């Protein structure tokens, strides 16, 4: 008989290994985001738009294999597929060591994105569910995603530090080592036996949640600003303080928002994120810059986990994995779109500052959430 939430263990050894694997791989990939464009502009004379476009290909390429995710997950060993995908992601990272031009770099980034999409589906949307018991699966999905989210701060901070003191090859080497450590963690996980099935080759199952399309749009309006900052902020200290903001948001969710209205986390997070941009626009001081980093981390940490929970509540019981994949892909797509926009701004194609553009997206996110997404969510939730 299935235990209650209170007596069901969440943090098993296997779950810890899976979360650490997610942290390692996320850090490995986010190390490359701020560094690859600088390297391509230096090594190959790429323009900011070319370098930003190639780097941003990852977030678009993750969708390529989406329609066959369900077939792969139900006909092959999920752990083996996850391991293979991580190894290919790591190999493509190593490929930048010998990349001979922008075209080769673009191919590597596309393959990397396709395989990273596979990892996201096999790990966060499948293995997490396989090794977690039903009463704790929403908590498990949220915890797993947090380990990946910390990569957003640790990765750029590490990449910028290494690139500032050494060469791109050291960044690539450390990124590859983290990828291999992620593989080791997955290798040590014991996954319950599952009989293979015969699903159709093409399906939206485990890939796209139709009931979550409006939530997906709202998530894009949060991840696009984050991608813009990732493209335009080249301070490792900023990303270090961003992680402190993430930690504060976890404390806030557990001690401040426990009995609050379900809208409060998203609304508060967007307001804090917007205040960070207003601080940057109105104050040109170092203290304002670092305070804004703290507020950005706090804002993202309040908004994005709540959106993930909303995705899950919009799904039927058998669609939990699909909801997780849709949320993860929405975040990565928004990061890529924002990263490209950020490099347009660096190229002076637009007359707006990056912080003003970010603020505009956040205002749009808040308006859409209050006027459209939240009422729609209350009407369409199934849990």
Protein backbone atom coordinates (compact mmCIF):
# COMPACT_ATOMS: atom_id res chain seq x y z
CA UNK A 1 0.00 0.00 0.00
CA UNK A 2 1.34 3.44 -0.94
CA UNK A 3 2.45 5.48 2.06
CA UNK A 4 1.28 8.96 2.91
CA UNK A 5 3.35 12.02 2.10
CA UNK A 6 4.47 12.26 5.72
CA UNK A 7 6.03 8.77 5.85
CA UNK A 8 7.26 8.55 2.24
CA UNK A 9 10.97 9.22 1.82
CA UNK A 10 11.94 11.75 -0.85
CA UNK A 11 15.69 12.27 -0.46
CA UNK A 12 16.89 8.77 -1.21
CA UNK A 13 20.45 8.14 -2.40
CA UNK A 14 19.20 7.72 -5.97
CA UNK A 15 17.26 10.98 -5.86
CA UNK A 16 20.30 12.82 -4.53
CA UNK A 17 22.42 11.40 -7.36
CA UNK A 18 19.87 12.45 -9.96
CA UNK A 19 19.66 15.99 -8.58
CA UNK A 20 23.46 16.32 -8.42
CA UNK A 21 23.69 15.05 -11.99
CA UNK A 22 21.26 17.81 -13.01
CA UNK A 23 23.33 20.42 -11.17
CA UNK A 24 26.55 19.22 -12.82
CA UNK A 25 25.14 19.18 -16.34
CA UNK A 26 23.31 22.49 -15.95
CA UNK A 27 26.48 24.13 -14.63
CA UNK A 28 28.47 22.56 -17.45
CA UNK A 29 26.21 24.07 -20.12
CA UNK A 30 25.60 27.46 -18.50
CA UNK A 31 29.37 27.92 -18.25
CA UNK A 32 29.38 28.19 -22.03
CA UNK A 33 26.61 30.77 -22.50
CA UNK A 34 28.55 33.96 -21.65
CA UNK A 35 31.91 32.61 -22.89
CA UNK A 36 31.19 31.12 -26.33
CA UNK A 37 30.17 34.43 -27.97
CA UNK A 38 33.27 36.21 -26.67
CA UNK A 39 35.45 33.37 -27.92
CA UNK A 40 33.78 33.28 -31.36
CA UNK A 41 34.17 37.03 -31.78
CA UNK A 42 37.84 36.79 -30.79
CA UNK A 43 38.80 33.60 -32.65
CA UNK A 44 36.71 33.89 -35.80
CA UNK A 45 35.87 37.59 -36.03
CA UNK A 46 32.14 36.89 -35.57
CA UNK A 47 29.79 39.81 -35.05
CA UNK A 48 27.78 39.93 -31.81
CA UNK A 49 24.67 38.88 -33.74
CA UNK A 50 26.44 35.88 -35.31
CA UNK A 51 27.96 34.79 -32.01
CA UNK A 52 24.71 35.28 -30.11
CA UNK A 53 22.68 33.45 -32.76
CA UNK A 54 24.96 30.41 -32.77
CA UNK A 55 25.01 30.19 -28.98
CA UNK A 56 21.23 30.57 -28.82
CA UNK A 57 20.66 27.63 -31.18
CA UNK A 58 20.63 25.28 -28.19
CA UNK A 59 17.25 26.48 -26.95
CA UNK A 60 15.63 25.95 -30.33
CA UNK A 61 17.29 22.61 -31.05
CA UNK A 62 15.91 20.99 -27.89
CA UNK A 63 12.51 20.75 -29.65
CA UNK A 64 13.76 18.76 -32.66
CA UNK A 65 13.46 15.29 -31.08
CA UNK A 66 10.37 16.19 -29.03
CA UNK A 67 7.79 14.27 -31.09
CA UNK A 68 9.67 10.97 -30.61
CA UNK A 69 10.36 11.34 -26.88
CA UNK A 70 7.45 9.12 -25.85
CA UNK A 71 8.48 6.38 -28.26
CA UNK A 72 12.08 6.43 -27.04
CA UNK A 73 11.13 6.51 -23.35
CA UNK A 74 8.74 3.57 -23.63
CA UNK A 75 10.74 1.30 -25.93
CA UNK A 76 14.28 1.71 -24.56
CA UNK A 77 15.96 1.81 -21.16
CA UNK A 78 15.54 5.36 -19.91
CA UNK A 79 18.70 5.39 -17.83
CA UNK A 80 20.75 4.24 -20.83
CA UNK A 81 19.22 6.88 -23.08
CA UNK A 82 19.92 9.57 -20.48
CA UNK A 83 23.54 8.43 -20.17
CA UNK A 84 24.01 8.38 -23.95
CA UNK A 85 22.51 11.85 -24.32
CA UNK A 86 24.74 13.32 -21.58
CA UNK A 87 27.81 11.74 -23.18
CA UNK A 88 26.93 13.30 -26.54
CA UNK A 89 26.32 16.69 -24.88
CA UNK A 90 29.75 16.41 -23.26
CA UNK A 91 31.36 15.32 -26.53
CA UNK A 92 29.91 18.33 -28.36
CA UNK A 93 31.30 20.59 -25.65
CA UNK A 94 34.70 19.02 -26.25
CA UNK A 95 34.16 19.60 -29.96
CA UNK A 96 34.50 23.35 -29.42
CA UNK A 97 38.15 22.65 -28.56
CA UNK A 98 38.81 21.75 -32.20
CA UNK A 99 36.05 23.80 -33.87
CA UNK A 100 37.38 25.14 -37.17
CA UNK A 101 34.84 27.86 -37.84
CA UNK A 102 31.39 29.28 -37.15
CA UNK A 103 29.57 26.65 -39.22
CA UNK A 104 31.17 23.83 -37.23
CA UNK A 105 30.34 25.64 -33.98
CA UNK A 106 26.69 26.00 -35.09
CA UNK A 107 26.44 22.26 -35.87
CA UNK A 108 27.90 21.41 -32.47
CA UNK A 109 25.42 23.71 -30.73
CA UNK A 110 22.45 22.17 -32.59
CA UNK A 111 23.48 18.62 -31.69
CA UNK A 112 24.12 19.74 -28.13
CA UNK A 113 20.62 21.22 -27.94
CA UNK A 114 18.97 18.09 -29.34
CA UNK A 115 20.72 15.88 -26.82
CA UNK A 116 20.12 18.29 -23.93
CA UNK A 117 16.43 18.14 -24.76
CA UNK A 118 16.68 14.37 -24.48
CA UNK A 119 18.40 14.68 -21.10
CA UNK A 120 15.74 17.06 -19.78
CA UNK A 121 12.99 14.66 -20.79
CA UNK A 122 14.69 11.47 -19.61
CA UNK A 123 15.84 12.89 -16.27
CA UNK A 124 13.46 15.55 -15.00
CA UNK A 125 10.34 14.25 -16.73
CA UNK A 126 10.94 10.49 -16.47
CA UNK A 127 13.66 9.24 -14.08
CA UNK A 128 12.56 11.60 -11.30
CA UNK A 129 9.06 10.15 -11.54
CA UNK A 130 10.36 6.57 -11.78
CA UNK A 131 12.38 6.78 -8.55
CA UNK A 132 9.90 8.88 -6.54
CA UNK A 133 6.74 7.67 -4.87
CA UNK A 134 3.45 9.23 -5.88
CA UNK A 135 2.76 11.37 -2.76
CA UNK A 136 6.08 13.22 -3.17
CA UNK A 137 6.38 13.56 -6.96
CA UNK A 138 5.43 17.24 -7.20
CA UNK A 139 7.95 17.99 -4.47
CA UNK A 140 10.50 15.84 -6.28
CA UNK A 141 9.92 17.65 -9.60
CA UNK A 142 10.34 21.02 -7.89
CA UNK A 143 13.49 19.99 -6.00
CA UNK A 144 15.07 18.52 -9.13
CA UNK A 145 14.39 21.71 -11.10
CA UNK A 146 16.01 23.78 -8.34
CA UNK A 147 19.31 21.94 -8.78
CA UNK A 148 19.25 22.83 -12.47
CA UNK A 149 18.33 26.42 -11.64
CA UNK A 150 21.40 26.80 -9.46
CA UNK A 151 23.41 26.04 -12.59
CA UNK A 152 22.15 29.36 -13.97
CA UNK A 153 24.24 31.15 -11.35
CA UNK A 154 27.14 28.74 -10.77
CA UNK A 155 27.72 28.13 -14.50
CA UNK A 156 28.18 31.71 -15.76
CA UNK A 157 30.10 32.65 -12.61
CA UNK A 158 32.54 29.76 -13.12
CA UNK A 159 32.80 30.24 -16.88
CA UNK A 160 33.56 33.96 -16.61
CA UNK A 161 36.11 33.40 -13.85
CA UNK A 162 37.95 30.70 -15.81
CA UNK A 163 37.84 32.60 -19.09
CA UNK A 164 39.03 35.79 -17.40
CA UNK A 165 42.12 34.14 -15.94
CA UNK A 166 42.83 31.49 -18.55
CA UNK A 167 41.83 30.39 -22.04
CA UNK A 168 38.59 29.05 -23.53
CA UNK A 169 40.15 25.57 -23.50
CA UNK A 170 40.14 25.49 -19.70
CA UNK A 171 36.44 26.41 -19.69
CA UNK A 172 35.75 23.59 -22.16
CA UNK A 173 37.82 21.13 -20.11
CA UNK A 174 36.01 21.91 -16.85
CA UNK A 175 32.67 21.80 -18.62
CA UNK A 176 33.49 18.34 -19.99
CA UNK A 177 34.61 17.11 -16.57
CA UNK A 178 31.30 18.23 -15.07
CA UNK A 179 29.45 16.43 -17.86
CA UNK A 180 31.34 13.21 -17.12
CA UNK A 181 30.61 13.57 -13.39
CA UNK A 182 26.94 13.94 -14.30
CA UNK A 183 27.21 10.67 -16.23
CA UNK A 184 28.77 8.98 -13.21
CA UNK A 185 25.88 10.09 -10.99
CA UNK A 186 23.32 8.73 -13.46
CA UNK A 187 25.27 5.48 -13.78
CA UNK A 188 24.98 4.88 -10.02
CA UNK A 189 21.18 5.29 -9.98
CA UNK A 190 19.04 2.19 -9.58
CA UNK A 191 15.88 2.51 -11.68
CA UNK A 192 12.91 0.18 -11.07
CA UNK A 193 12.23 -2.35 -13.83
CA UNK A 194 9.68 -1.22 -16.41
CA UNK A 195 8.31 -3.43 -19.15
CA UNK A 196 8.77 -1.91 -22.64
CA UNK A 197 5.68 -0.65 -24.46
CA UNK A 198 4.85 -0.08 -28.13
CA UNK A 199 3.75 3.58 -28.42
CA UNK A 200 3.46 5.37 -31.78
CA UNK A 201 6.69 6.81 -33.16
CA UNK A 202 5.39 10.38 -33.16
CA UNK A 203 3.40 11.81 -30.26
CA UNK A 204 3.06 14.97 -28.18
CA UNK A 205 3.16 12.81 -25.03
CA UNK A 206 6.15 13.63 -22.76
CA UNK A 207 6.81 16.65 -24.97
CA UNK A 208 4.00 19.19 -25.20
CA UNK A 209 1.12 19.84 -22.78
CA UNK A 210 -1.75 21.41 -24.80
CA UNK A 211 -3.50 22.52 -21.62
CA UNK A 212 -0.44 24.56 -20.63
CA UNK A 213 -0.01 26.77 -23.69
CA UNK A 214 -0.89 30.04 -21.95
CA UNK A 215 1.31 29.22 -18.96
CA UNK A 216 4.06 28.47 -21.51
CA UNK A 217 3.68 31.97 -22.97
CA UNK A 218 3.86 33.52 -19.51
CA UNK A 219 6.99 31.53 -18.73
CA UNK A 220 8.62 32.84 -21.92
CA UNK A 221 8.01 36.40 -20.75
CA UNK A 222 10.08 35.61 -17.65
CA UNK A 223 12.86 33.56 -19.25
CA UNK A 224 13.42 35.97 -22.15
CA UNK A 225 14.48 38.78 -19.76
CA UNK A 226 16.81 36.32 -18.02
CA UNK A 227 18.38 35.45 -21.38
CA UNK A 228 18.91 39.15 -22.10
CA UNK A 229 20.77 39.55 -18.81
CA UNK A 230 22.82 36.43 -19.53
CA UNK A 231 23.93 38.02 -22.80
CA UNK A 232 24.68 41.50 -21.47
CA UNK A 233 25.97 41.00 -17.90
CA UNK A 234 29.58 39.84 -17.89
CA UNK A 235 30.22 40.05 -14.13
CA UNK A 236 30.92 36.82 -12.26
CA UNK A 237 30.06 38.61 -9.00
CA UNK A 238 26.57 39.31 -10.35
CA UNK A 239 25.93 35.59 -10.84
CA UNK A 240 27.35 34.77 -7.42
CA UNK A 241 24.90 37.17 -5.78
CA UNK A 242 22.15 35.79 -8.03
CA UNK A 243 22.64 32.46 -6.24
CA UNK A 244 22.19 34.20 -2.87
CA UNK A 245 18.89 35.54 -4.18
CA UNK A 246 17.87 31.99 -5.13
CA UNK A 247 18.57 30.86 -1.56
CA UNK A 248 16.52 33.74 -0.13
CA UNK A 249 13.61 32.79 -2.39
CA UNK A 250 13.63 29.22 -1.03
CA UNK A 251 13.46 30.60 2.50
CA UNK A 252 10.68 33.00 1.50
CA UNK A 253 8.56 30.24 -0.03
CA UNK A 254 8.88 28.12 3.11
CA UNK A 255 8.41 30.85 5.70
CA UNK A 256 6.66 33.83 4.10
CA UNK A 257 4.33 32.44 1.44
CA UNK A 258 3.15 29.26 3.20
CA UNK A 259 -0.45 30.46 3.66
CA UNK A 260 -0.49 33.21 1.03
CA UNK A 261 -2.75 33.52 -2.00
CA UNK A 262 -1.54 31.30 -4.87
CA UNK A 263 -0.95 34.40 -7.00
CA UNK A 264 1.37 35.99 -4.45
CA UNK A 265 4.62 34.26 -5.40
CA UNK A 266 4.41 35.06 -9.11
CA UNK A 267 3.17 38.63 -8.57
CA UNK A 268 5.75 39.34 -5.85
CA UNK A 269 8.54 37.75 -7.86
CA UNK A 270 7.76 39.76 -10.99
CA UNK A 271 7.58 42.98 -8.97
CA UNK A 272 10.94 42.25 -7.32
CA UNK A 273 12.48 41.40 -10.68
CA UNK A 274 11.08 44.63 -12.12
CA UNK A 275 12.41 46.64 -9.16
CA UNK A 276 15.86 45.22 -9.89
CA UNK A 277 15.67 46.63 -13.41
CA UNK A 278 14.37 50.00 -12.20
CA UNK A 279 17.30 50.13 -9.80
CA UNK A 280 19.70 49.51 -12.68
CA UNK A 281 18.02 52.13 -14.88
CA UNK A 282 17.94 54.86 -12.24
CA UNK A 283 21.21 54.24 -10.36
CA UNK A 284 24.63 53.85 -11.92
CA UNK A 285 26.41 52.59 -8.83
CA UNK A 286 28.10 49.34 -7.91
CA UNK A 287 25.85 48.78 -4.89
CA UNK A 288 22.75 49.15 -7.05
CA UNK A 289 24.17 46.65 -9.53
CA UNK A 290 24.73 43.98 -6.89
CA UNK A 291 21.45 44.69 -5.10
CA UNK A 292 19.68 44.18 -8.40
CA UNK A 293 21.40 40.77 -8.76
CA UNK A 294 19.96 39.76 -5.39
CA UNK A 295 16.48 40.91 -6.42
CA UNK A 296 16.71 39.12 -9.77
CA UNK A 297 17.58 35.85 -8.01
CA UNK A 298 14.78 36.37 -5.53
CA UNK A 299 12.32 37.16 -8.30
CA UNK A 300 13.21 34.18 -10.50
CA UNK A 301 13.20 31.88 -7.47
CA UNK A 302 9.66 32.91 -6.59
CA UNK A 303 8.15 32.93 -10.07
CA UNK A 304 9.58 29.94 -11.95
CA UNK A 305 9.01 27.16 -9.37
CA UNK A 306 5.39 28.29 -8.94
CA UNK A 307 4.88 28.22 -12.71
CA UNK A 308 6.24 24.65 -12.74
CA UNK A 309 3.72 23.64 -10.07
CA UNK A 310 0.95 25.27 -12.11
CA UNK A 311 2.06 23.26 -15.15
CA UNK A 312 1.77 20.06 -13.11
CA UNK A 313 -1.67 21.02 -11.82
CA UNK A 314 -2.81 21.62 -15.40
CA UNK A 315 -1.91 18.04 -16.31
CA UNK A 316 -3.72 14.76 -15.87
CA UNK A 317 -2.05 12.10 -13.74
CA UNK A 318 -0.45 10.44 -16.79
CA UNK A 319 0.75 13.83 -18.14
CA UNK A 320 3.07 14.81 -15.28
CA UNK A 321 6.18 14.10 -17.35
CA UNK A 322 4.73 16.06 -20.27
CA UNK A 323 4.08 19.04 -17.99
CA UNK A 324 7.67 18.99 -16.73
CA UNK A 325 9.10 18.83 -20.23
CA UNK A 326 6.90 21.71 -21.42
CA UNK A 327 8.03 23.88 -18.51
CA UNK A 328 11.73 22.99 -18.93
CA UNK A 329 11.63 23.60 -22.68
CA UNK A 330 9.79 26.90 -22.23
CA UNK A 331 12.54 28.10 -19.92
CA UNK A 332 15.36 27.10 -22.27
CA UNK A 333 13.59 28.56 -25.32
CA UNK A 334 13.09 31.87 -23.54
CA UNK A 335 16.73 31.96 -22.46
CA UNK A 336 17.77 31.49 -26.10
CA UNK A 337 15.39 34.13 -27.46
CA UNK A 338 16.51 36.57 -24.80
CA UNK A 339 20.16 35.77 -25.44
CA UNK A 340 19.71 36.63 -29.11
CA UNK A 341 17.87 39.86 -28.24
CA UNK A 342 20.67 40.74 -25.83
CA UNK A 343 23.24 40.47 -28.62
CA UNK A 344 21.07 42.64 -30.84
CA UNK A 345 21.25 45.23 -28.11
CA UNK A 346 25.02 44.82 -27.85
CA UNK A 347 25.19 45.43 -31.60
CA UNK A 348 23.32 48.74 -31.10
CA UNK A 349 20.55 47.60 -33.40
CA UNK A 350 18.01 48.98 -30.94
CA UNK A 351 18.12 52.31 -29.16
CA UNK A 352 16.87 50.85 -25.84
CA UNK A 353 19.02 49.77 -22.90
CA UNK A 354 18.97 46.11 -21.99
CA UNK A 355 17.43 46.87 -18.60
CA UNK A 356 14.58 48.83 -20.18
CA UNK A 357 13.81 45.95 -22.54
CA UNK A 358 13.89 43.49 -19.65
CA UNK A 359 11.51 45.71 -17.67
CA UNK A 360 9.14 45.85 -20.61
CA UNK A 361 8.98 42.04 -20.81
CA UNK A 362 8.39 41.79 -17.06
CA UNK A 363 5.52 44.27 -17.18
CA UNK A 364 4.01 42.25 -20.02
CA UNK A 365 4.43 39.07 -17.95
CA UNK A 366 2.65 40.61 -14.97
CA UNK A 367 -0.23 41.96 -17.04
CA UNK A 368 -0.67 38.67 -18.90
CA UNK A 369 -0.60 36.68 -15.68
CA UNK A 370 -3.16 38.78 -13.80
CA UNK A 371 -5.48 39.46 -16.72
CA UNK A 372 -5.28 36.16 -18.59
CA UNK A 373 -3.14 33.32 -17.31
CA UNK A 374 -4.32 33.11 -13.70
CA UNK A 375 -8.09 33.18 -14.46
CA UNK A 376 -7.47 30.69 -17.25
CA UNK A 377 -5.46 28.47 -14.88
CA UNK A 378 -8.27 28.42 -12.29
CA UNK A 379 -10.68 27.34 -15.00
CA UNK A 380 -8.49 24.64 -16.58
CA UNK A 381 -6.58 23.11 -13.64
CA UNK A 382 -7.28 19.41 -13.17
CA UNK A 383 -5.54 18.78 -9.81
